[in-house]
Amino acid sequence: PLLVLLLVDGRRRIGISVLATAPISSFIFWNSFTWRKYGRPN
């Protein structure tokens, strides 16, 4: 949400949007890995 707030400014929206989705991507990646490896998202 802190990074999403930067989108209000309107400058460099694409770059900021990628930054805001990066933490979500790592969260999904790690929990997908543990789900596949250990049978349950961590």
All heavy atoms as atom14 arrays in JSON, in Angstrom:
{
  "sequence": "PLLVLLLVDGRRRIGISVLATAPISSFIFWNSFTWRKYGRPN",
  "atom14_mask": [
    [1, 1, 1, 1, 1, 1, 1, 0, 0, 0, 0, 0, 0, 0],
    [1, 1, 1, 1, 1, 1, 1, 1, 0, 0, 0, 0, 0, 0],
    [1, 1, 1, 1, 1, 1, 1, 1, 0, 0, 0, 0, 0, 0],
    [1, 1, 1, 1, 1, 1, 1, 0, 0, 0, 0, 0, 0, 0],
    [1, 1, 1, 1, 1, 1, 1, 1, 0, 0, 0, 0, 0, 0],
    [1, 1, 1, 1, 1, 1, 1, 1, 0, 0, 0, 0, 0, 0],
    [1, 1, 1, 1, 1, 1, 1, 1, 0, 0, 0, 0, 0, 0],
    [1, 1, 1, 1, 1, 1, 1, 0, 0, 0, 0, 0, 0, 0],
    [1, 1, 1, 1, 1, 1, 1, 1, 0, 0, 0, 0, 0, 0],
    [1, 1, 1, 1, 0, 0, 0, 0, 0, 0, 0, 0, 0, 0],
    [1, 1, 1, 1, 1, 1, 1, 1, 1, 1, 1, 0, 0, 0],
    [1, 1, 1, 1, 1, 1, 1, 1, 1, 1, 1, 0, 0, 0],
    [1, 1, 1, 1, 1, 1, 1, 1, 1, 1, 1, 0, 0, 0],
    [1, 1, 1, 1, 1, 1, 1, 1, 0, 0, 0, 0, 0, 0],
    [1, 1, 1, 1, 0, 0, 0, 0, 0, 0, 0, 0, 0, 0],
    [1, 1, 1, 1, 1, 1, 1, 1, 0, 0, 0, 0, 0, 0],
    [1, 1, 1, 1, 1, 1, 0, 0, 0, 0, 0, 0, 0, 0],
    [1, 1, 1, 1, 1, 1, 1, 0, 0, 0, 0, 0, 0, 0],
    [1, 1, 1, 1, 1, 1, 1, 1, 0, 0, 0, 0, 0, 0],
    [1, 1, 1, 1, 1, 0, 0, 0, 0, 0, 0, 0, 0, 0],
    [1, 1, 1, 1, 1, 1, 1, 0, 0, 0, 0, 0, 0, 0],
    [1, 1, 1, 1, 1, 0, 0, 0, 0, 0, 0, 0, 0, 0],
    [1, 1, 1, 1, 1, 1, 1, 0, 0, 0, 0, 0, 0, 0],
    [1, 1, 1, 1, 1, 1, 1, 1, 0, 0, 0, 0, 0, 0],
    [1, 1, 1, 1, 1, 1, 0, 0, 0, 0, 0, 0, 0, 0],
    [1, 1, 1, 1, 1, 1, 0, 0, 0, 0, 0, 0, 0, 0],
    [1, 1, 1, 1, 1, 1, 1, 1, 1, 1, 1, 0, 0, 0],
    [1, 1, 1, 1, 1, 1, 1, 1, 0, 0, 0, 0, 0, 0],
    [1, 1, 1, 1, 1, 1, 1, 1, 1, 1, 1, 0, 0, 0],
    [1, 1, 1, 1, 1, 1, 1, 1, 1, 1, 1, 1, 1, 1],
    [1, 1, 1, 1, 1, 1, 1, 1, 0, 0, 0, 0, 0, 0],
    [1, 1, 1, 1, 1, 1, 0, 0, 0, 0, 0, 0, 0, 0],
    [1, 1, 1, 1, 1, 1, 1, 1, 1, 1, 1, 0, 0, 0],
    [1, 1, 1, 1, 1, 1, 1, 0, 0, 0, 0, 0, 0, 0],
    [1, 1, 1, 1, 1, 1, 1, 1, 1, 1, 1, 1, 1, 1],
    [1, 1, 1, 1, 1, 1, 1, 1, 1, 1, 1, 0, 0, 0],
    [1, 1, 1, 1, 1, 1, 1, 1, 1, 0, 0, 0, 0, 0],
    [1, 1, 1, 1, 1, 1, 1, 1, 1, 1, 1, 1, 0, 0],
    [1, 1, 1, 1, 0, 0, 0, 0, 0, 0, 0, 0, 0, 0],
    [1, 1, 1, 1, 1, 1, 1, 1, 1, 1, 1, 0, 0, 0],
    [1, 1, 1, 1, 1, 1, 1, 0, 0, 0, 0, 0, 0, 0],
    [1, 1, 1, 1, 1, 1, 1, 1, 0, 0, 0, 0, 0, 0]
  ],
  "atom14_positions": [
    [[0.81, -1.23, 0.0], [0.0, 0.0, 0.0], [0.84, 1.27, 0.0], [0.42, 2.29, -0.56], [-0.85, -0.11, 1.27], [-0.22, -1.17, 2.09], [0.49, -2.09, 1.15], [0.0, 0.0, 0.0], [0.0, 0.0, 0.0], [0.0, 0.0, 0.0], [0.0, 0.0, 0.0], [0.0, 0.0, 0.0], [0.0, 0.0, 0.0], [0.0, 0.0, 0.0]],
    [[2.03, 1.23, 0.6], [2.9, 2.41, 0.59], [3.34, 2.74, -0.83], [3.39, 3.91, -1.22], [4.11, 2.18, 1.49], [3.83, 2.0, 2.97], [5.1, 1.67, 3.73], [3.17, 3.24, 3.56], [0.0, 0.0, 0.0], [0.0, 0.0, 0.0], [0.0, 0.0, 0.0], [0.0, 0.0, 0.0], [0.0, 0.0, 0.0], [0.0, 0.0, 0.0]],
    [[3.66, 1.7, -1.6], [4.06, 1.92, -2.99], [2.86, 2.31, -3.86], [2.99, 3.13, -4.76], [4.74, 0.67, -3.54], [6.1, 0.32, -2.89], [6.57, -1.05, -3.35], [7.14, 1.39, -3.19], [0.0, 0.0, 0.0], [0.0, 0.0, 0.0], [0.0, 0.0, 0.0], [0.0, 0.0, 0.0], [0.0, 0.0, 0.0], [0.0, 0.0, 0.0]],
    [[1.7, 1.73, -3.58], [0.5, 2.08, -4.34], [0.16, 3.55, -4.16], [-0.3, 4.23, -5.1], [-0.68, 1.17, -3.93], [-2.0, 1.7, -4.47], [-0.44, -0.26, -4.42], [0.0, 0.0, 0.0], [0.0, 0.0, 0.0], [0.0, 0.0, 0.0], [0.0, 0.0, 0.0], [0.0, 0.0, 0.0], [0.0, 0.0, 0.0], [0.0, 0.0, 0.0]],
    [[0.4, 4.08, -2.95], [0.14, 5.5, -2.7], [0.94, 6.41, -3.63], [0.5, 7.52, -3.95], [0.46, 5.85, -1.24], [-0.6, 5.46, -0.21], [-0.07, 5.71, 1.19], [-1.89, 6.24, -0.45], [0.0, 0.0, 0.0], [0.0, 0.0, 0.0], [0.0, 0.0, 0.0], [0.0, 0.0, 0.0], [0.0, 0.0, 0.0], [0.0, 0.0, 0.0]],
    [[2.09, 5.94, -4.05], [2.91, 6.75, -4.96], [2.25, 6.92, -6.33], [2.56, 7.85, -7.06], [4.3, 6.13, -5.13], [5.16, 6.02, -3.88], [6.52, 5.46, -4.22], [5.3, 7.37, -3.19], [0.0, 0.0, 0.0], [0.0, 0.0, 0.0], [0.0, 0.0, 0.0], [0.0, 0.0, 0.0], [0.0, 0.0, 0.0], [0.0, 0.0, 0.0]],
    [[1.33, 6.01, -6.66], [0.64, 6.11, -7.96], [-0.27, 7.33, -8.02], [-0.6, 7.8, -9.11], [-0.16, 4.84, -8.22], [0.65, 3.57, -8.48], [-0.26, 2.35, -8.51], [1.43, 3.69, -9.78], [0.0, 0.0, 0.0], [0.0, 0.0, 0.0], [0.0, 0.0, 0.0], [0.0, 0.0, 0.0], [0.0, 0.0, 0.0], [0.0, 0.0, 0.0]],
    [[-0.67, 7.85, -6.85], [-1.53, 9.03, -6.83], [-0.83, 10.22, -7.48], [-1.46, 11.06, -8.12], [-1.93, 9.37, -5.37], [-2.7, 10.67, -5.29], [-2.74, 8.23, -4.77], [0.0, 0.0, 0.0], [0.0, 0.0, 0.0], [0.0, 0.0, 0.0], [0.0, 0.0, 0.0], [0.0, 0.0, 0.0], [0.0, 0.0, 0.0], [0.0, 0.0, 0.0]],
    [[0.48, 10.26, -7.33], [1.27, 11.36, -7.89], [1.15, 11.43, -9.41], [1.21, 12.5, -10.0], [2.74, 11.17, -7.47], [3.61, 12.31, -7.92], [4.04, 12.29, -9.09], [3.86, 13.24, -7.11], [0.0, 0.0, 0.0], [0.0, 0.0, 0.0], [0.0, 0.0, 0.0], [0.0, 0.0, 0.0], [0.0, 0.0, 0.0], [0.0, 0.0, 0.0]],
    [[1.01, 10.26, -10.05], [0.82, 10.23, -11.5], [2.09, 10.16, -12.32], [2.02, 9.98, -13.53], [0.0, 0.0, 0.0], [0.0, 0.0, 0.0], [0.0, 0.0, 0.0], [0.0, 0.0, 0.0], [0.0, 0.0, 0.0], [0.0, 0.0, 0.0], [0.0, 0.0, 0.0], [0.0, 0.0, 0.0], [0.0, 0.0, 0.0], [0.0, 0.0, 0.0]],
    [[3.25, 10.3, -11.67], [4.51, 10.23, -12.43], [5.04, 8.8, -12.44], [4.97, 8.1, -11.44], [5.56, 11.14, -11.79], [5.29, 12.61, -11.98], [6.36, 13.45, -11.3], [6.29, 13.32, -9.85], [7.22, 13.79, -9.02], [8.3, 14.36, -9.5], [7.08, 13.66, -7.72], [0.0, 0.0, 0.0], [0.0, 0.0, 0.0], [0.0, 0.0, 0.0]],
    [[5.56, 8.37, -13.58], [6.22, 7.09, -13.74], [5.34, 5.93, -13.24], [5.76, 5.08, -12.47], [7.57, 7.09, -13.03], [8.42, 8.27, -13.42], [9.83, 8.15, -12.94], [10.44, 9.45, -12.81], [10.83, 10.24, -13.81], [10.66, 9.84, -15.06], [11.37, 11.42, -13.59], [0.0, 0.0, 0.0], [0.0, 0.0, 0.0], [0.0, 0.0, 0.0]],
    [[4.11, 5.95, -13.71], [3.12, 4.97, -13.25], [3.53, 3.52, -13.53], [3.33, 2.65, -12.7], [1.75, 5.23, -13.9], [1.01, 6.4, -13.28], [-0.35, 6.58, -13.94], [-1.11, 7.62, -13.28], [-1.92, 7.41, -12.25], [-2.05, 6.21, -11.76], [-2.59, 8.41, -11.72], [0.0, 0.0, 0.0], [0.0, 0.0, 0.0], [0.0, 0.0, 0.0]],
    [[4.1, 3.26, -14.69], [4.46, 1.88, -15.05], [5.54, 1.37, -14.11], [5.43, 0.28, -13.54], [4.9, 1.79, -16.52], [3.72, 2.11, -17.44], [5.45, 0.4, -16.82], [4.07, 2.19, -18.91], [0.0, 0.0, 0.0], [0.0, 0.0, 0.0], [0.0, 0.0, 0.0], [0.0, 0.0, 0.0], [0.0, 0.0, 0.0], [0.0, 0.0, 0.0]],
    [[6.59, 2.16, -13.93], [7.68, 1.74, -13.04], [7.22, 1.53, -11.61], [7.6, 0.55, -10.96], [0.0, 0.0, 0.0], [0.0, 0.0, 0.0], [0.0, 0.0, 0.0], [0.0, 0.0, 0.0], [0.0, 0.0, 0.0], [0.0, 0.0, 0.0], [0.0, 0.0, 0.0], [0.0, 0.0, 0.0], [0.0, 0.0, 0.0], [0.0, 0.0, 0.0]],
    [[6.4, 2.45, -11.11], [5.89, 2.33, -9.73], [4.94, 1.14, -9.62], [4.94, 0.42, -8.61], [5.19, 3.63, -9.28], [6.19, 4.8, -9.27], [4.56, 3.47, -7.91], [7.32, 4.68, -8.28], [0.0, 0.0, 0.0], [0.0, 0.0, 0.0], [0.0, 0.0, 0.0], [0.0, 0.0, 0.0], [0.0, 0.0, 0.0], [0.0, 0.0, 0.0]],
    [[4.14, 0.89, -10.65], [3.24, -0.27, -10.63], [4.01, -1.58, -10.54], [3.62, -2.49, -9.81], [2.35, -0.27, -11.89], [1.53, 0.86, -11.92], [0.0, 0.0, 0.0], [0.0, 0.0, 0.0], [0.0, 0.0, 0.0], [0.0, 0.0, 0.0], [0.0, 0.0, 0.0], [0.0, 0.0, 0.0], [0.0, 0.0, 0.0], [0.0, 0.0, 0.0]],
    [[5.11, -1.66, -11.28], [5.94, -2.87, -11.2], [6.52, -3.03, -9.8], [6.54, -4.13, -9.24], [7.07, -2.82, -12.26], [8.04, -3.98, -12.07], [6.48, -2.85, -13.66], [0.0, 0.0, 0.0], [0.0, 0.0, 0.0], [0.0, 0.0, 0.0], [0.0, 0.0, 0.0], [0.0, 0.0, 0.0], [0.0, 0.0, 0.0], [0.0, 0.0, 0.0]],
    [[6.96, -1.93, -9.21], [7.48, -1.99, -7.83], [6.41, -2.46, -6.85], [6.69, -3.25, -5.94], [8.01, -0.61, -7.4], [9.23, -0.08, -8.13], [9.6, 1.31, -7.61], [10.4, -1.03, -8.01], [0.0, 0.0, 0.0], [0.0, 0.0, 0.0], [0.0, 0.0, 0.0], [0.0, 0.0, 0.0], [0.0, 0.0, 0.0], [0.0, 0.0, 0.0]],
    [[5.18, -1.98, -7.04], [4.09, -2.35, -6.12], [3.7, -3.81, -6.25], [3.22, -4.42, -5.29], [2.88, -1.45, -6.36], [0.0, 0.0, 0.0], [0.0, 0.0, 0.0], [0.0, 0.0, 0.0], [0.0, 0.0, 0.0], [0.0, 0.0, 0.0], [0.0, 0.0, 0.0], [0.0, 0.0, 0.0], [0.0, 0.0, 0.0], [0.0, 0.0, 0.0]],
    [[3.9, -4.38, -7.44], [3.53, -5.8, -7.63], [4.68, -6.74, -7.28], [4.45, -7.94, -7.11], [3.09, -6.07, -9.08], [4.13, -5.68, -9.97], [1.82, -5.3, -9.41], [0.0, 0.0, 0.0], [0.0, 0.0, 0.0], [0.0, 0.0, 0.0], [0.0, 0.0, 0.0], [0.0, 0.0, 0.0], [0.0, 0.0, 0.0], [0.0, 0.0, 0.0]],
    [[5.9, -6.22, -7.15], [7.06, -7.08, -6.85], [6.89, -7.85, -5.53], [7.15, -9.07, -5.49], [8.35, -6.26, -6.84], [0.0, 0.0, 0.0], [0.0, 0.0, 0.0], [0.0, 0.0, 0.0], [0.0, 0.0, 0.0], [0.0, 0.0, 0.0], [0.0, 0.0, 0.0], [0.0, 0.0, 0.0], [0.0, 0.0, 0.0], [0.0, 0.0, 0.0]],
    [[6.46, -7.21, -4.43], [6.29, -7.97, -3.18], [5.21, -9.04, -3.28], [5.35, -10.13, -2.71], [5.9, -6.91, -2.14], [6.22, -5.6, -2.76], [6.16, -5.79, -4.23], [0.0, 0.0, 0.0], [0.0, 0.0, 0.0], [0.0, 0.0, 0.0], [0.0, 0.0, 0.0], [0.0, 0.0, 0.0], [0.0, 0.0, 0.0], [0.0, 0.0, 0.0]],
    [[4.15, -8.73, -4.02], [3.08, -9.72, -4.2], [3.61, -10.91, -4.99], [3.3, -12.07, -4.68], [1.87, -9.07, -4.9], [1.32, -7.93, -4.05], [0.79, -10.1, -5.18], [0.32, -7.03, -4.76], [0.0, 0.0, 0.0], [0.0, 0.0, 0.0], [0.0, 0.0, 0.0], [0.0, 0.0, 0.0], [0.0, 0.0, 0.0], [0.0, 0.0, 0.0]],
    [[4.43, -10.63, -5.99], [5.0, -11.7, -6.8], [5.88, -12.63, -5.97], [5.79, -13.85, -6.1], [5.83, -11.1, -7.94], [5.03, -10.29, -8.76], [0.0, 0.0, 0.0], [0.0, 0.0, 0.0], [0.0, 0.0, 0.0], [0.0, 0.0, 0.0], [0.0, 0.0, 0.0], [0.0, 0.0, 0.0], [0.0, 0.0, 0.0], [0.0, 0.0, 0.0]],
    [[6.73, -12.06, -5.12], [7.61, -12.91, -4.3], [6.81, -13.71, -3.29], [7.1, -14.87, -3.03], [8.68, -12.08, -3.59], [8.11, -11.2, -2.64], [0.0, 0.0, 0.0], [0.0, 0.0, 0.0], [0.0, 0.0, 0.0], [0.0, 0.0, 0.0], [0.0, 0.0, 0.0], [0.0, 0.0, 0.0], [0.0, 0.0, 0.0], [0.0, 0.0, 0.0]],
    [[5.76, -13.09, -2.74], [4.87, -13.79, -1.8], [4.21, -14.99, -2.48], [4.19, -16.1, -1.94], [3.82, -12.81, -1.27], [2.78, -13.44, -0.4], [3.01, -13.66, 0.95], [1.55, -13.81, -0.93], [2.03, -14.24, 1.75], [0.57, -14.39, -0.14], [0.82, -14.61, 1.21], [0.0, 0.0, 0.0], [0.0, 0.0, 0.0], [0.0, 0.0, 0.0]],
    [[3.67, -14.76, -3.68], [3.01, -15.84, -4.42], [4.03, -16.91, -4.81], [3.75, -18.12, -4.69], [2.29, -15.28, -5.66], [1.1, -14.42, -5.23], [1.84, -16.4, -6.59], [0.46, -13.64, -6.35], [0.0, 0.0, 0.0], [0.0, 0.0, 0.0], [0.0, 0.0, 0.0], [0.0, 0.0, 0.0], [0.0, 0.0, 0.0], [0.0, 0.0, 0.0]],
    [[5.19, -16.5, -5.29], [6.22, -17.45, -5.68], [6.61, -18.37, -4.53], [6.64, -19.6, -4.67], [7.45, -16.71, -6.21], [8.64, -17.62, -6.43], [8.71, -18.42, -7.54], [9.66, -17.68, -5.48], [9.8, -19.28, -7.74], [10.74, -18.52, -5.66], [10.81, -19.33, -6.79], [0.0, 0.0, 0.0], [0.0, 0.0, 0.0], [0.0, 0.0, 0.0]],
    [[6.91, -17.78, -3.35], [7.35, -18.58, -2.21], [6.26, -19.54, -1.75], [6.5, -20.71, -1.48], [7.8, -17.69, -1.07], [7.99, -18.41, 0.22], [7.27, -18.26, 1.36], [8.95, -19.45, 0.5], [7.71, -19.13, 2.33], [8.75, -19.87, 1.83], [9.94, -20.07, -0.25], [9.5, -20.87, 2.42], [10.71, -21.07, 0.34], [10.48, -21.45, 1.66]],
    [[5.04, -19.06, -1.66], [3.96, -19.91, -1.18], [3.55, -20.96, -2.2], [3.12, -22.06, -1.83], [2.78, -19.06, -0.72], [3.01, -18.49, 0.65], [2.87, -19.17, 1.66], [3.43, -17.23, 0.71], [0.0, 0.0, 0.0], [0.0, 0.0, 0.0], [0.0, 0.0, 0.0], [0.0, 0.0, 0.0], [0.0, 0.0, 0.0], [0.0, 0.0, 0.0]],
    [[3.71, -20.67, -3.49], [3.5, -21.7, -4.51], [4.57, -22.79, -4.39], [4.27, -23.98, -4.52], [3.54, -21.08, -5.91], [2.52, -20.14, -6.06], [0.0, 0.0, 0.0], [0.0, 0.0, 0.0], [0.0, 0.0, 0.0], [0.0, 0.0, 0.0], [0.0, 0.0, 0.0], [0.0, 0.0, 0.0], [0.0, 0.0, 0.0], [0.0, 0.0, 0.0]],
    [[5.8, -22.35, -4.15], [6.9, -23.3, -3.98], [6.64, -24.22, -2.79], [6.78, -25.44, -2.9], [8.22, -22.56, -3.79], [9.36, -23.45, -3.39], [10.05, -24.21, -4.33], [9.74, -23.55, -2.05], [11.1, -25.04, -3.94], [10.79, -24.37, -1.66], [11.46, -25.12, -2.61], [0.0, 0.0, 0.0], [0.0, 0.0, 0.0], [0.0, 0.0, 0.0]],
    [[6.27, -23.65, -1.65], [6.04, -24.49, -0.45], [4.81, -25.37, -0.63], [4.78, -26.49, -0.1], [5.9, -23.63, 0.82], [4.9, -22.63, 0.61], [7.22, -22.96, 1.16], [0.0, 0.0, 0.0], [0.0, 0.0, 0.0], [0.0, 0.0, 0.0], [0.0, 0.0, 0.0], [0.0, 0.0, 0.0], [0.0, 0.0, 0.0], [0.0, 0.0, 0.0]],
    [[3.82, -24.9, -1.35], [2.63, -25.71, -1.6], [3.01, -26.94, -2.43], [2.62, -28.06, -2.12], [1.59, -24.87, -2.34], [0.23, -25.5, -2.42], [-0.17, -26.71, -1.93], [-0.93, -24.92, -3.02], [-1.49, -26.94, -2.19], [-1.99, -25.85, -2.86], [-1.18, -23.73, -3.68], [-3.27, -25.6, -3.34], [-2.46, -23.48, -4.15], [-3.49, -24.41, -3.97]],
    [[3.81, -26.71, -3.46], [4.22, -27.83, -4.31], [5.2, -28.75, -3.58], [5.13, -29.97, -3.71], [4.86, -27.27, -5.58], [5.23, -28.33, -6.57], [5.65, -27.74, -7.89], [5.98, -28.78, -8.84], [6.35, -28.57, -10.07], [6.45, -27.34, -10.52], [6.64, -29.57, -10.87], [0.0, 0.0, 0.0], [0.0, 0.0, 0.0], [0.0, 0.0, 0.0]],
    [[6.11, -28.17, -2.82], [7.18, -28.95, -2.18], [6.68, -29.68, -0.94], [7.04, -30.84, -0.7], [8.33, -28.02, -1.8], [9.57, -28.71, -1.27], [10.4, -29.27, -2.39], [11.68, -29.88, -1.88], [12.44, -30.52, -2.96], [0.0, 0.0, 0.0], [0.0, 0.0, 0.0], [0.0, 0.0, 0.0], [0.0, 0.0, 0.0], [0.0, 0.0, 0.0]],
    [[5.86, -29.01, -0.13], [5.48, -29.55, 1.17], [3.97, -29.8, 1.31], [3.51, -30.2, 2.38], [5.95, -28.61, 2.29], [7.42, -28.31, 2.21], [7.87, -27.01, 1.98], [8.38, -29.31, 2.35], [9.22, -26.72, 1.9], [9.74, -29.03, 2.27], [10.15, -27.74, 2.04], [11.49, -27.46, 1.96], [0.0, 0.0, 0.0], [0.0, 0.0, 0.0]],
    [[3.22, -29.55, 0.26], [1.79, -29.85, 0.28], [0.92, -28.79, 0.91], [-0.27, -29.01, 1.12], [0.0, 0.0, 0.0], [0.0, 0.0, 0.0], [0.0, 0.0, 0.0], [0.0, 0.0, 0.0], [0.0, 0.0, 0.0], [0.0, 0.0, 0.0], [0.0, 0.0, 0.0], [0.0, 0.0, 0.0], [0.0, 0.0, 0.0], [0.0, 0.0, 0.0]],
    [[1.51, -27.61, 1.2], [0.74, -26.57, 1.86], [1.47, -25.23, 1.73], [2.67, -25.17, 1.96], [0.61, -26.93, 3.33], [-0.23, -26.0, 4.15], [-0.26, -26.51, 5.58], [-1.22, -25.8, 6.38], [-1.36, -25.97, 7.67], [-0.62, -26.86, 8.31], [-2.24, -25.28, 8.35], [0.0, 0.0, 0.0], [0.0, 0.0, 0.0], [0.0, 0.0, 0.0]],
    [[0.76, -24.14, 1.38], [1.42, -22.84, 1.36], [1.92, -22.47, 2.76], [1.18, -22.59, 3.74], [0.33, -21.88, 0.89], [-0.68, -22.75, 0.2], [-0.63, -24.06, 0.91], [0.0, 0.0, 0.0], [0.0, 0.0, 0.0], [0.0, 0.0, 0.0], [0.0, 0.0, 0.0], [0.0, 0.0, 0.0], [0.0, 0.0, 0.0], [0.0, 0.0, 0.0]],
    [[3.13, -22.0, 2.85], [3.73, -21.7, 4.16], [2.93, -20.69, 4.96], [2.84, -20.78, 6.18], [5.17, -21.21, 3.96], [5.87, -20.9, 5.27], [6.1, -19.75, 5.61], [6.2, -21.94, 6.03], [0.0, 0.0, 0.0], [0.0, 0.0, 0.0], [0.0, 0.0, 0.0], [0.0, 0.0, 0.0], [0.0, 0.0, 0.0], [0.0, 0.0, 0.0]]
  ]
}
